[in-house]
């Protein structure tokens, strides 16, 4: 089996669009308030995502591999124009939904988001490099689809018009390119080296599980009211200034 065949089978088995978060967004049972609150939490996954990549880049043995990861880090940071960084575009998306730019920092971090970020940090720091690369690759792959679905849901509900979906359009254009940067060096070894194939399979399963689990957890916690009134700091996210 080729790597792309394994990924197709994995996505068919996990059926990401059947995740309760996306079913509820599509059928209208996810309220606008719940959507905004869960997206305020999801912002911290967006803000954090490039940091494990940088750790992983330092562990890659070849300059070509390091450059591929650093290119993805550059994409996350708007290729040097921080107004187009994913943090900035996601913040504009939230602002267009009617929340203040600093609103994500006024909410305590939900454990579902902390768990997701911590898994990424742990895998990129301590796990096998092919496992970590595959984990990041499948997350990018899935989010290319899921961000499109979010955009459709938001427009269909009338919460924003299509032109306002700046962050989701950015992901539609970049995520599949980024996914290729993570997975391209793994393809030949996946077919010829059983140990690497096992590591890659582990990473793909891990990434898909924690990413879809994040959305499921956000959906299940959407009505949480006692976690919305105090500031962080969000230790795993904020870092040292």
Protein backbone atom coordinates (compact mmCIF):
# COMPACT_ATOMS: atom_id res chain seq x y z
CA UNK A 1 0.00 0.00 0.00
CA UNK A 2 1.21 3.49 -0.86
CA UNK A 3 1.13 6.31 1.66
CA UNK A 4 -1.69 8.15 -0.12
CA UNK A 5 -3.77 4.95 -0.14
CA UNK A 6 -3.31 4.61 3.61
CA UNK A 7 -4.37 8.25 4.13
CA UNK A 8 -7.49 7.80 2.00
CA UNK A 9 -8.46 4.67 3.94
CA UNK A 10 -7.83 6.43 7.25
CA UNK A 11 -10.05 9.38 6.34
CA UNK A 12 -12.76 7.07 5.02
CA UNK A 13 -12.71 5.17 8.31
CA UNK A 14 -12.71 8.25 10.55
CA UNK A 15 -15.24 10.22 8.43
CA UNK A 16 -14.19 13.70 9.61
CA UNK A 17 -17.33 15.42 8.33
CA UNK A 18 -19.40 13.09 10.52
CA UNK A 19 -17.74 14.58 13.60
CA UNK A 20 -20.53 15.96 15.83
CA UNK A 21 -19.07 19.48 15.62
CA UNK A 22 -19.49 19.58 11.85
CA UNK A 23 -22.82 17.79 11.82
CA UNK A 24 -24.18 20.37 14.27
CA UNK A 25 -22.73 23.26 12.27
CA UNK A 26 -24.32 21.92 9.10
CA UNK A 27 -27.76 21.15 10.53
CA UNK A 28 -28.00 24.39 12.50
CA UNK A 29 -28.05 22.93 16.02
CA UNK A 30 -24.71 24.56 16.87
CA UNK A 31 -25.70 28.05 17.95
CA UNK A 32 -23.80 31.16 16.97
CA UNK A 33 -22.78 31.72 20.60
CA UNK A 34 -21.50 28.15 20.89
CA UNK A 35 -19.63 28.41 17.60
CA UNK A 36 -17.92 31.66 18.60
CA UNK A 37 -16.97 30.32 22.03
CA UNK A 38 -15.47 27.14 20.60
CA UNK A 39 -13.61 29.11 17.95
CA UNK A 40 -12.16 31.37 20.65
CA UNK A 41 -10.71 28.21 22.15
CA UNK A 42 -9.60 26.84 18.78
CA UNK A 43 -7.64 30.06 18.28
CA UNK A 44 -5.06 28.76 20.74
CA UNK A 45 -4.46 25.70 18.57
CA UNK A 46 -3.90 28.03 15.61
CA UNK A 47 -1.57 30.30 17.59
CA UNK A 48 0.48 27.35 18.89
CA UNK A 49 0.74 25.18 15.79
CA UNK A 50 3.98 26.53 14.35
CA UNK A 51 5.95 26.17 17.56
CA UNK A 52 6.20 22.35 17.58
CA UNK A 53 7.26 22.59 13.90
CA UNK A 54 10.28 24.65 14.90
CA UNK A 55 11.27 22.08 17.49
CA UNK A 56 10.91 19.28 14.96
CA UNK A 57 12.95 21.16 12.35
CA UNK A 58 15.92 21.15 14.70
CA UNK A 59 15.67 17.35 14.94
CA UNK A 60 15.59 16.67 11.17
CA UNK A 61 18.99 15.47 9.98
CA UNK A 62 18.97 16.79 6.40
CA UNK A 63 19.03 20.44 5.32
CA UNK A 64 16.33 19.71 2.72
CA UNK A 65 14.04 18.36 5.43
CA UNK A 66 14.71 21.28 7.72
CA UNK A 67 14.01 23.78 4.93
CA UNK A 68 10.69 22.10 4.11
CA UNK A 69 9.60 22.49 7.72
CA UNK A 70 10.86 26.05 7.91
CA UNK A 71 8.89 26.89 4.76
CA UNK A 72 5.76 25.71 6.55
CA UNK A 73 6.70 27.83 9.54
CA UNK A 74 7.10 30.76 7.14
CA UNK A 75 3.63 30.13 5.72
CA UNK A 76 2.21 30.18 9.25
CA UNK A 77 3.84 33.60 9.71
CA UNK A 78 2.63 35.14 6.45
CA UNK A 79 6.04 34.75 4.77
CA UNK A 80 7.30 37.60 6.93
CA UNK A 81 4.22 39.80 6.61
CA UNK A 82 2.67 39.21 10.01
CA UNK A 83 -0.60 40.81 8.93
CA UNK A 84 -1.10 37.61 6.89
CA UNK A 85 0.11 35.21 9.56
CA UNK A 86 -2.40 32.56 10.57
CA UNK A 87 -2.65 34.18 13.99
CA UNK A 88 -3.56 37.52 12.40
CA UNK A 89 -6.02 36.10 9.87
CA UNK A 90 -7.74 34.00 12.53
CA UNK A 91 -7.95 37.01 14.83
CA UNK A 92 -9.60 38.99 11.99
CA UNK A 93 -12.04 36.13 11.50
CA UNK A 94 -13.00 36.32 15.18
CA UNK A 95 -13.32 40.10 15.00
CA UNK A 96 -15.70 39.78 12.06
CA UNK A 97 -17.77 37.48 14.23
CA UNK A 98 -18.08 40.39 16.67
CA UNK A 99 -15.49 39.65 19.36
CA UNK A 100 -12.56 41.73 20.55
CA UNK A 101 -9.07 40.92 19.28
CA UNK A 102 -7.92 39.95 22.77
CA UNK A 103 -11.00 37.84 23.51
CA UNK A 104 -9.17 34.48 23.33
CA UNK A 105 -6.96 35.62 26.21
CA UNK A 106 -9.95 36.48 28.40
CA UNK A 107 -11.05 32.83 28.53
CA UNK A 108 -9.30 30.14 30.57
CA UNK A 109 -7.92 27.50 28.25
CA UNK A 110 -10.15 24.47 27.97
CA UNK A 111 -8.44 21.14 28.69
CA UNK A 112 -9.28 19.83 25.22
CA UNK A 113 -7.14 22.54 23.63
CA UNK A 114 -4.34 22.17 26.16
CA UNK A 115 -4.28 18.42 25.53
CA UNK A 116 -4.07 18.92 21.76
CA UNK A 117 -1.22 21.41 22.00
CA UNK A 118 0.64 19.27 24.51
CA UNK A 119 0.42 16.18 22.29
CA UNK A 120 1.88 18.14 19.37
CA UNK A 121 4.67 19.53 21.52
CA UNK A 122 5.46 16.11 22.97
CA UNK A 123 5.49 14.29 19.65
CA UNK A 124 7.67 16.90 17.94
CA UNK A 125 10.08 16.95 20.86
CA UNK A 126 10.39 13.30 21.83
CA UNK A 127 8.77 10.98 19.29
CA UNK A 128 10.26 9.51 16.12
CA UNK A 129 10.73 12.17 13.45
CA UNK A 130 8.63 10.28 10.83
CA UNK A 131 5.84 9.93 13.38
CA UNK A 132 5.86 13.65 14.14
CA UNK A 133 6.01 14.61 10.45
CA UNK A 134 3.08 12.35 9.63
CA UNK A 135 1.12 13.72 12.58
CA UNK A 136 1.52 17.31 11.36
CA UNK A 137 0.84 16.29 7.77
CA UNK A 138 -2.50 14.66 8.46
CA UNK A 139 -3.60 17.61 10.61
CA UNK A 140 -2.88 19.96 7.69
CA UNK A 141 -4.64 17.58 5.31
CA UNK A 142 -7.74 17.36 7.49
CA UNK A 143 -7.91 21.07 8.18
CA UNK A 144 -7.86 21.87 4.48
CA UNK A 145 -11.23 20.07 4.32
CA UNK A 146 -12.58 21.12 7.70
CA UNK A 147 -11.80 24.82 7.31
CA UNK A 148 -13.75 24.75 4.04
CA UNK A 149 -16.65 23.09 5.85
CA UNK A 150 -16.55 25.74 8.57
CA UNK A 151 -16.63 28.45 5.94
CA UNK A 152 -19.64 26.90 4.26
CA UNK A 153 -21.43 26.51 7.58
CA UNK A 154 -20.78 30.09 8.67
CA UNK A 155 -22.02 31.46 5.34
CA UNK A 156 -25.04 29.13 5.28
CA UNK A 157 -26.05 30.28 8.78
CA UNK A 158 -25.71 33.92 7.69
CA UNK A 159 -23.12 34.70 10.38
CA UNK A 160 -20.66 36.08 7.80
CA UNK A 161 -20.58 36.46 4.05
CA UNK A 162 -18.12 34.55 1.89
CA UNK A 163 -15.80 37.53 1.43
CA UNK A 164 -15.26 37.74 5.19
CA UNK A 165 -13.92 34.18 5.48
CA UNK A 166 -10.28 35.29 5.16
CA UNK A 167 -8.68 32.71 7.45
CA UNK A 168 -10.53 29.79 5.92
CA UNK A 169 -9.61 30.83 2.37
CA UNK A 170 -5.98 31.06 3.47
CA UNK A 171 -6.13 27.52 4.76
CA UNK A 172 -7.84 26.21 1.65
CA UNK A 173 -4.95 27.57 -0.41
CA UNK A 174 -2.03 26.63 1.85
CA UNK A 175 -2.81 23.54 3.90
CA UNK A 176 -2.52 20.96 1.14
CA UNK A 177 0.80 22.50 0.10
CA UNK A 178 1.99 22.35 3.69
CA UNK A 179 0.80 18.78 4.05
CA UNK A 180 2.93 17.84 1.04
CA UNK A 181 5.95 19.43 2.71
CA UNK A 182 5.49 17.16 5.70
CA UNK A 183 4.70 13.97 3.81
CA UNK A 184 6.83 14.14 0.65
CA UNK A 185 10.04 12.86 2.32
CA UNK A 186 8.10 10.00 3.89
CA UNK A 187 6.58 8.52 0.72
CA UNK A 188 9.54 6.52 -0.64
CA UNK A 189 10.54 5.23 2.79
CA UNK A 190 6.93 4.27 3.59
CA UNK A 191 7.04 1.77 0.74
CA UNK A 192 10.54 0.38 1.32
CA UNK A 193 11.26 0.51 5.06
CA UNK A 194 8.85 -1.39 7.35
CA UNK A 195 10.04 0.38 10.50
CA UNK A 196 9.46 3.81 8.95
CA UNK A 197 6.10 2.68 7.60
CA UNK A 198 5.05 1.75 11.12
CA UNK A 199 6.21 5.13 12.48
CA UNK A 200 4.34 7.00 9.75
CA UNK A 201 1.17 5.00 10.32
CA UNK A 202 1.44 5.80 14.02
CA UNK A 203 1.80 9.51 13.26
CA UNK A 204 -1.14 9.57 10.86
CA UNK A 205 -3.39 7.79 13.34
CA UNK A 206 -2.20 10.03 16.17
CA UNK A 207 -2.68 13.30 14.28
CA UNK A 208 -6.14 12.37 13.01
CA UNK A 209 -7.21 11.14 16.43
CA UNK A 210 -6.13 14.19 18.40
CA UNK A 211 -7.35 16.69 15.78
CA UNK A 212 -10.80 15.19 15.35
CA UNK A 213 -10.89 14.61 19.10
CA UNK A 214 -10.26 18.32 19.62
CA UNK A 215 -13.36 19.22 17.63
CA UNK A 216 -15.39 16.54 19.39
CA UNK A 217 -14.22 17.83 22.75
CA UNK A 218 -15.03 21.43 21.85
CA UNK A 219 -18.51 20.36 20.80
CA UNK A 220 -19.11 18.40 23.98
CA UNK A 221 -17.90 21.35 26.09
CA UNK A 222 -19.67 24.05 24.07
CA UNK A 223 -22.11 24.95 26.85
CA UNK A 224 -19.40 25.33 29.50
CA UNK A 225 -20.22 28.59 31.28
CA UNK A 226 -17.91 28.52 34.32
CA UNK A 227 -14.77 28.75 32.18
CA UNK A 228 -15.38 32.04 30.41
CA UNK A 229 -14.71 34.84 32.87
CA UNK A 230 -11.06 34.96 33.91
CA UNK A 231 -7.74 35.65 32.23
CA UNK A 232 -4.93 33.11 31.66
CA UNK A 233 -2.04 33.09 31.38
CA UNK A 234 -2.29 30.03 29.15
CA UNK A 235 1.06 28.58 30.08
CA UNK A 236 1.52 26.14 27.21
CA UNK A 237 0.55 28.87 24.76
CA UNK A 238 1.83 32.16 26.09
CA UNK A 239 5.49 31.38 26.68
CA UNK A 240 8.04 33.88 27.94
CA UNK A 241 7.98 37.33 26.38
